[in-house]
Protein backbone atom coordinates (compact mmCIF):
# COMPACT_ATOMS: atom_id res chain seq x y z
CA UNK A 1 -49.08 -37.12 -24.15
CA UNK A 2 -51.71 -39.25 -25.89
CA UNK A 3 -52.46 -41.07 -22.64
CA UNK A 4 -53.06 -37.79 -20.79
CA UNK A 5 -55.23 -36.49 -23.63
CA UNK A 6 -57.30 -39.67 -23.49
CA UNK A 7 -57.67 -39.34 -19.73
CA UNK A 8 -58.97 -35.81 -20.22
CA UNK A 9 -61.50 -36.95 -22.82
CA UNK A 10 -62.66 -39.79 -20.58
CA UNK A 11 -62.92 -37.79 -17.33
CA UNK A 12 -64.14 -34.43 -18.61
CA UNK A 13 -65.09 -34.03 -22.24
CA UNK A 14 -67.17 -37.23 -22.50
CA UNK A 15 -68.40 -37.32 -18.92
CA UNK A 16 -71.33 -35.04 -18.00
CA UNK A 17 -70.45 -34.53 -14.32
CA UNK A 18 -66.78 -33.92 -15.11
CA UNK A 19 -67.54 -31.48 -17.90
CA UNK A 20 -70.03 -29.54 -15.78
CA UNK A 21 -67.58 -29.43 -12.87
CA UNK A 22 -64.82 -28.07 -15.12
CA UNK A 23 -67.04 -25.31 -16.52
CA UNK A 24 -68.36 -24.55 -13.04
CA UNK A 25 -64.86 -23.85 -11.69
CA UNK A 26 -63.91 -21.84 -14.77
CA UNK A 27 -66.96 -19.65 -14.10
CA UNK A 28 -66.46 -19.34 -10.33
CA UNK A 29 -62.77 -18.38 -10.56
CA UNK A 30 -61.77 -15.68 -13.05
CA UNK A 31 -58.34 -14.78 -11.60
CA UNK A 32 -57.13 -17.59 -9.35
CA UNK A 33 -55.62 -20.77 -10.90
CA UNK A 34 -58.40 -22.78 -9.24
CA UNK A 35 -60.37 -21.91 -12.36
CA UNK A 36 -57.98 -23.95 -14.51
CA UNK A 37 -58.30 -27.75 -14.70
CA UNK A 38 -55.42 -29.64 -13.07
CA UNK A 39 -55.02 -31.85 -16.11
CA UNK A 40 -55.04 -28.77 -18.36
CA UNK A 41 -57.18 -27.83 -21.33
CA UNK A 42 -56.89 -29.97 -24.45
CA UNK A 43 -54.72 -27.38 -26.20
CA UNK A 44 -52.35 -27.29 -23.19
CA UNK A 45 -51.78 -31.02 -23.43
CA UNK A 46 -51.17 -30.80 -27.17
CA UNK A 47 -48.64 -27.96 -27.01
CA UNK A 48 -46.87 -28.16 -23.62
CA UNK A 49 -43.13 -28.61 -24.34
CA UNK A 50 -41.15 -31.34 -22.57
CA UNK A 51 -38.63 -28.75 -21.35
CA UNK A 52 -41.34 -26.93 -19.39
CA UNK A 53 -42.47 -30.16 -17.73
CA UNK A 54 -38.90 -31.02 -16.75
CA UNK A 55 -38.35 -27.54 -15.36
CA UNK A 56 -41.49 -27.78 -13.22
CA UNK A 57 -40.49 -31.20 -11.90
CA UNK A 58 -36.94 -30.15 -11.07
CA UNK A 59 -38.14 -26.98 -9.34
CA UNK A 60 -40.86 -28.36 -7.08
CA UNK A 61 -40.12 -32.07 -6.58
CA UNK A 62 -37.33 -31.53 -4.05
CA UNK A 63 -36.87 -32.79 -0.45
CA UNK A 64 -37.38 -29.40 1.19
CA UNK A 65 -40.81 -29.17 -0.46
CA UNK A 66 -41.94 -32.59 0.75
CA UNK A 67 -43.64 -33.77 3.94
CA UNK A 68 -43.40 -37.33 5.24
CA UNK A 69 -45.31 -38.90 8.14
CA UNK A 70 -44.41 -42.14 9.88
CA UNK A 71 -47.16 -43.77 11.93
CA UNK A 72 -47.16 -46.96 13.97
CA UNK A 73 -44.70 -49.08 15.90
CA UNK A 74 -41.51 -47.78 14.28
CA UNK A 75 -37.82 -47.68 15.18
CA UNK A 76 -36.65 -44.10 14.61
CA UNK A 77 -32.97 -44.98 14.16
CA UNK A 78 -33.83 -47.62 11.56
CA UNK A 79 -36.16 -45.23 9.76
CA UNK A 80 -33.58 -42.47 9.74
CA UNK A 81 -31.06 -44.84 8.18
CA UNK A 82 -33.55 -45.86 5.49
CA UNK A 83 -34.42 -42.22 4.78
CA UNK A 84 -30.74 -41.37 4.38
CA UNK A 85 -30.24 -44.39 2.12
CA UNK A 86 -33.07 -43.63 -0.29
CA UNK A 87 -33.44 -39.85 -0.07
CA UNK A 88 -30.12 -38.58 1.28
CA UNK A 89 -28.67 -38.14 -2.19
CA UNK A 90 -31.43 -35.81 -3.35
CA UNK A 91 -30.21 -32.21 -3.10
CA UNK A 92 -32.37 -29.47 -1.62
CA UNK A 93 -33.01 -26.43 -3.79
CA UNK A 94 -34.24 -22.91 -3.07
CA UNK A 95 -37.96 -22.71 -3.76
CA UNK A 96 -39.26 -19.79 -5.81
CA UNK A 97 -41.83 -17.56 -4.09
CA UNK A 98 -45.45 -18.66 -4.50
CA UNK A 99 -46.96 -15.78 -6.44
CA UNK A 100 -50.70 -16.34 -6.70
CA UNK A 101 -53.43 -14.13 -8.12
CA UNK A 102 -56.06 -13.31 -5.52
CA UNK A 103 -59.64 -13.99 -6.57
CA UNK A 104 -61.56 -10.69 -6.41
CA UNK A 105 -64.88 -10.45 -4.61
CA UNK A 106 -67.51 -11.82 -6.97
CA UNK A 107 -69.94 -8.94 -6.70
CA UNK A 108 -72.75 -10.54 -8.68
CA UNK A 109 -74.36 -13.81 -9.64
CA UNK A 110 -72.73 -15.89 -12.40
CA UNK A 111 -74.47 -18.56 -14.46
CA UNK A 112 -73.51 -21.06 -17.10
CA UNK A 113 -75.63 -23.61 -18.94
CA UNK A 114 -74.14 -26.68 -20.60
CA UNK A 115 -76.01 -28.80 -23.16
CA UNK A 116 -75.19 -32.51 -22.94
CA UNK A 117 -76.81 -35.86 -23.65
CA UNK A 118 -77.44 -36.68 -19.99
CA UNK A 119 -79.97 -36.20 -17.22
CA UNK A 120 -80.20 -32.62 -15.91
CA UNK A 121 -78.15 -31.56 -12.89
CA UNK A 122 -77.16 -28.34 -11.18
CA UNK A 123 -74.21 -27.06 -9.16
CA UNK A 124 -74.51 -24.02 -6.89
CA UNK A 125 -71.34 -22.57 -5.37
CA UNK A 126 -70.51 -19.89 -2.80
CA UNK A 127 -67.00 -18.50 -2.26
CA UNK A 128 -65.67 -19.02 1.26
CA UNK A 129 -62.38 -18.85 3.21
CA UNK A 130 -60.26 -21.94 3.75
CA UNK A 131 -58.61 -23.45 6.82
CA UNK A 132 -57.71 -22.38 9.45
CA UNK A 133 -60.28 -19.55 9.18
CA UNK A 134 -63.07 -19.90 11.76
CA UNK A 135 -65.78 -19.83 9.09
CA UNK A 136 -64.24 -22.89 7.42
CA UNK A 137 -64.99 -24.90 10.56
CA UNK A 138 -68.55 -23.58 10.54
CA UNK A 139 -69.00 -24.70 6.94
CA UNK A 140 -68.06 -28.25 7.96
CA UNK A 141 -71.02 -28.17 10.34
CA UNK A 142 -73.31 -26.56 7.77
CA UNK A 143 -72.40 -29.30 5.31
CA UNK A 144 -73.39 -31.97 7.82
CA UNK A 145 -76.67 -30.21 8.65
CA UNK A 146 -77.65 -30.00 5.00
CA UNK A 147 -76.39 -33.29 3.59
CA UNK A 148 -75.14 -35.45 6.44
CA UNK A 149 -76.60 -38.77 5.37
CA UNK A 150 -80.26 -39.75 5.52
CA UNK A 151 -81.02 -37.28 8.31
CA UNK A 152 -79.58 -34.28 6.48
CA UNK A 153 -82.09 -31.55 5.67
CA UNK A 154 -81.66 -31.85 1.92
CA UNK A 155 -82.40 -35.57 1.95
CA UNK A 156 -85.34 -35.27 4.35
CA UNK A 157 -86.97 -32.26 2.69
CA UNK A 158 -85.99 -32.33 -0.99
CA UNK A 159 -85.54 -36.05 -1.67
CA UNK A 160 -87.98 -37.83 0.66
CA UNK A 161 -90.68 -35.32 1.60
CA UNK A 162 -91.06 -33.04 -1.43
CA UNK A 163 -89.59 -35.52 -3.97
CA UNK A 164 -88.03 -32.66 -5.92
CA UNK A 165 -84.59 -34.25 -6.19
CA UNK A 166 -83.06 -37.64 -6.83
CA UNK A 167 -80.07 -36.58 -4.76
CA UNK A 168 -78.52 -33.43 -3.27
CA UNK A 169 -75.09 -33.24 -1.68
CA UNK A 170 -72.60 -30.65 -0.45
CA UNK A 171 -68.83 -30.50 -0.83
CA UNK A 172 -65.97 -28.01 -0.99
CA UNK A 173 -63.96 -27.58 -4.20
CA UNK A 174 -61.42 -27.57 -5.67
CA UNK A 175 -58.76 -27.53 -2.92
CA UNK A 176 -57.93 -26.31 0.58
CA UNK A 177 -54.72 -24.31 0.28
CA UNK A 178 -56.57 -21.18 -0.88
CA UNK A 179 -60.10 -19.79 -0.45
CA UNK A 180 -62.50 -22.17 -2.18
CA UNK A 181 -66.15 -22.78 -3.00
CA UNK A 182 -68.83 -24.44 -0.88
CA UNK A 183 -70.83 -26.36 -3.45
CA UNK A 184 -74.31 -27.86 -3.57
CA UNK A 185 -74.85 -30.38 -6.34
CA UNK A 186 -78.04 -32.19 -7.19
CA UNK A 187 -80.20 -33.86 -9.80
CA UNK A 188 -83.93 -33.07 -10.07
CA UNK A 189 -86.54 -35.82 -10.00
CA UNK A 190 -88.82 -35.67 -13.08
CA UNK A 191 -91.03 -33.83 -13.78
CA UNK A 192 -89.21 -31.25 -11.64
CA UNK A 193 -86.56 -29.05 -13.25
CA UNK A 194 -83.20 -27.70 -12.16
CA UNK A 195 -84.96 -24.39 -11.52
CA UNK A 196 -87.35 -26.13 -9.11
CA UNK A 197 -84.39 -27.72 -7.35
CA UNK A 198 -82.59 -24.38 -7.06
CA UNK A 199 -85.65 -22.80 -5.48
CA UNK A 200 -85.97 -25.66 -3.00
CA UNK A 201 -82.29 -25.38 -2.06
CA UNK A 202 -82.70 -21.67 -1.40
CA UNK A 203 -85.60 -22.40 0.96
CA UNK A 204 -83.25 -24.48 3.10
CA UNK A 205 -80.45 -21.90 2.90
CA UNK A 206 -82.82 -19.13 3.98
CA UNK A 207 -83.93 -21.35 6.83
CA UNK A 208 -80.32 -21.52 8.04
CA UNK A 209 -80.12 -17.73 7.82
CA UNK A 210 -83.32 -17.00 9.72
CA UNK A 211 -83.81 -19.92 12.16
CA UNK A 212 -81.13 -20.90 14.69
CA UNK A 213 -80.23 -24.59 14.53
CA UNK A 214 -81.67 -26.46 17.50
CA UNK A 215 -79.28 -27.67 20.18
CA UNK A 216 -80.38 -31.29 19.68
CA UNK A 217 -79.72 -31.20 15.92
CA UNK A 218 -76.38 -29.45 16.41
CA UNK A 219 -75.22 -31.98 19.01
CA UNK A 220 -76.16 -34.84 16.69
CA UNK A 221 -74.13 -33.28 13.90
CA UNK A 222 -71.13 -32.77 16.20
CA UNK A 223 -71.33 -36.41 17.26
CA UNK A 224 -71.39 -37.51 13.62
CA UNK A 225 -68.39 -35.34 12.73
CA UNK A 226 -66.40 -36.75 15.63
CA UNK A 227 -67.39 -40.33 14.77
CA UNK A 228 -66.39 -39.81 11.13
CA UNK A 229 -62.98 -38.50 12.17
CA UNK A 230 -62.37 -41.38 14.56
CA UNK A 231 -63.30 -43.92 11.87
CA UNK A 232 -61.02 -42.23 9.39
CA UNK A 233 -58.03 -42.34 11.73
CA UNK A 234 -58.30 -46.02 12.63
CA UNK A 235 -55.66 -47.09 10.12
CA UNK A 236 -52.03 -45.98 10.17
CA UNK A 237 -52.29 -45.02 6.51
CA UNK A 238 -55.23 -42.67 7.11
CA UNK A 239 -53.45 -41.07 10.05
CA UNK A 240 -50.28 -40.50 8.00
CA UNK A 241 -52.29 -39.10 5.09
CA UNK A 242 -54.09 -36.64 7.36
CA UNK A 243 -50.91 -35.50 9.10
CA UNK A 244 -49.10 -34.77 5.83
CA UNK A 245 -52.20 -33.11 4.36
CA UNK A 246 -52.62 -30.66 7.24
CA UNK A 247 -48.90 -29.91 7.41
CA UNK A 248 -48.97 -28.90 3.74
CA UNK A 249 -52.37 -27.20 3.62
CA UNK A 250 -52.63 -25.57 7.06
CA UNK A 251 -48.91 -25.28 7.70
CA UNK A 252 -49.18 -27.31 10.90
CA UNK A 253 -50.03 -30.98 11.46
CA UNK A 254 -51.51 -30.01 14.84
CA UNK A 255 -54.59 -28.82 12.99
CA UNK A 256 -55.67 -32.46 13.19
CA UNK A 257 -55.55 -32.53 16.99
CA UNK A 258 -57.17 -29.11 17.39
CA UNK A 259 -59.98 -29.68 14.88
CA UNK A 260 -62.58 -31.26 17.18
CA UNK A 261 -61.86 -28.78 19.97
CA UNK A 262 -62.73 -25.90 17.64
CA UNK A 263 -65.68 -27.69 16.05
CA UNK A 264 -67.28 -28.29 19.46
CA UNK A 265 -67.21 -24.55 20.21
CA UNK A 266 -69.40 -23.67 17.21
CA UNK A 267 -72.78 -22.26 18.23
CA UNK A 268 -76.15 -21.88 16.47
CA UNK A 269 -75.34 -18.16 16.24
CA UNK A 270 -72.08 -18.92 14.40
CA UNK A 271 -73.99 -21.01 11.86
CA UNK A 272 -76.63 -18.34 11.35
CA UNK A 273 -74.09 -15.52 10.90
CA UNK A 274 -71.98 -17.56 8.48
CA UNK A 275 -75.03 -18.49 6.40
CA UNK A 276 -76.11 -14.84 6.27
CA UNK A 277 -72.64 -13.71 5.21
CA UNK A 278 -71.94 -16.18 2.41
CA UNK A 279 -75.27 -17.51 1.12
CA UNK A 280 -76.11 -14.49 -1.04
CA UNK A 281 -77.02 -14.13 -4.69
CA UNK A 282 -74.04 -11.78 -5.14
CA UNK A 283 -71.74 -14.63 -4.08
CA UNK A 284 -73.45 -17.33 -6.15
CA UNK A 285 -72.19 -19.29 -9.16
CA UNK A 286 -74.59 -21.71 -10.86
CA UNK A 287 -73.76 -24.31 -13.50
CA UNK A 288 -76.65 -26.22 -15.04
CA UNK A 289 -76.56 -29.29 -17.25
CA UNK A 290 -79.50 -29.40 -19.65
CA UNK A 291 -80.37 -32.08 -22.16
CA UNK A 292 -79.20 -31.27 -25.65
CA UNK A 293 -82.06 -30.48 -28.00
CA UNK A 294 -82.42 -32.97 -30.84
């Protein structure tokens, strides 16, 4: 218990990015468990009884709730014998139904400000569907357009050209099993403020909403996405990890093989419509880290 409590202090309470991230999710999700930290709040760690932990483990850590992937030059008969040897004695159990609160439509902008002894930063999040929804594929392309390396729009416009930010990146949090949040995180370059950075980000988002992405830029992004996937699947470990991930999250490992086919069908119109639908102030959550006043 003390070890877990120390991990929480190290990763969240005493770490500016971790603390801001935790408060950001708690603000973005008011009903769904995604708003709760995986490690738990400090009071949860202090009071959680051992019996409850054992019950959770015995309920969910069972063979019929597990997925295994074997990749490489393998002998199936030998592997089956090994699986029987090490896992055959573990009994399957009926799994309880997954009852999950559905996050209601946000319906208005949410903001939180956190004072901390650290350089300012900001996180902007927009609720979105998860895989295998079509718009989730589109967001993968939007992410590459905005923050795909040195040629991403955020880096070219906000970091290099306008010098408003030290860095700006995009990512999806906190998971992929349920609808999640497309997030833009960045740190302003002095003397610019987080407000200046927010305004500059919105300029680029509005550009996505009003100007179709050029065919040349889109093709470059598609090439980068495909190259990234190929690089990631070079090793047997990465392939196995991806197969098990998609089987659990999407319900079908074939998502991996179908991904690029669907990505390549995305059009500039798809990107524009998706940006118009989700990049709204009514769907926005903002968490800002400001320096604590002395």
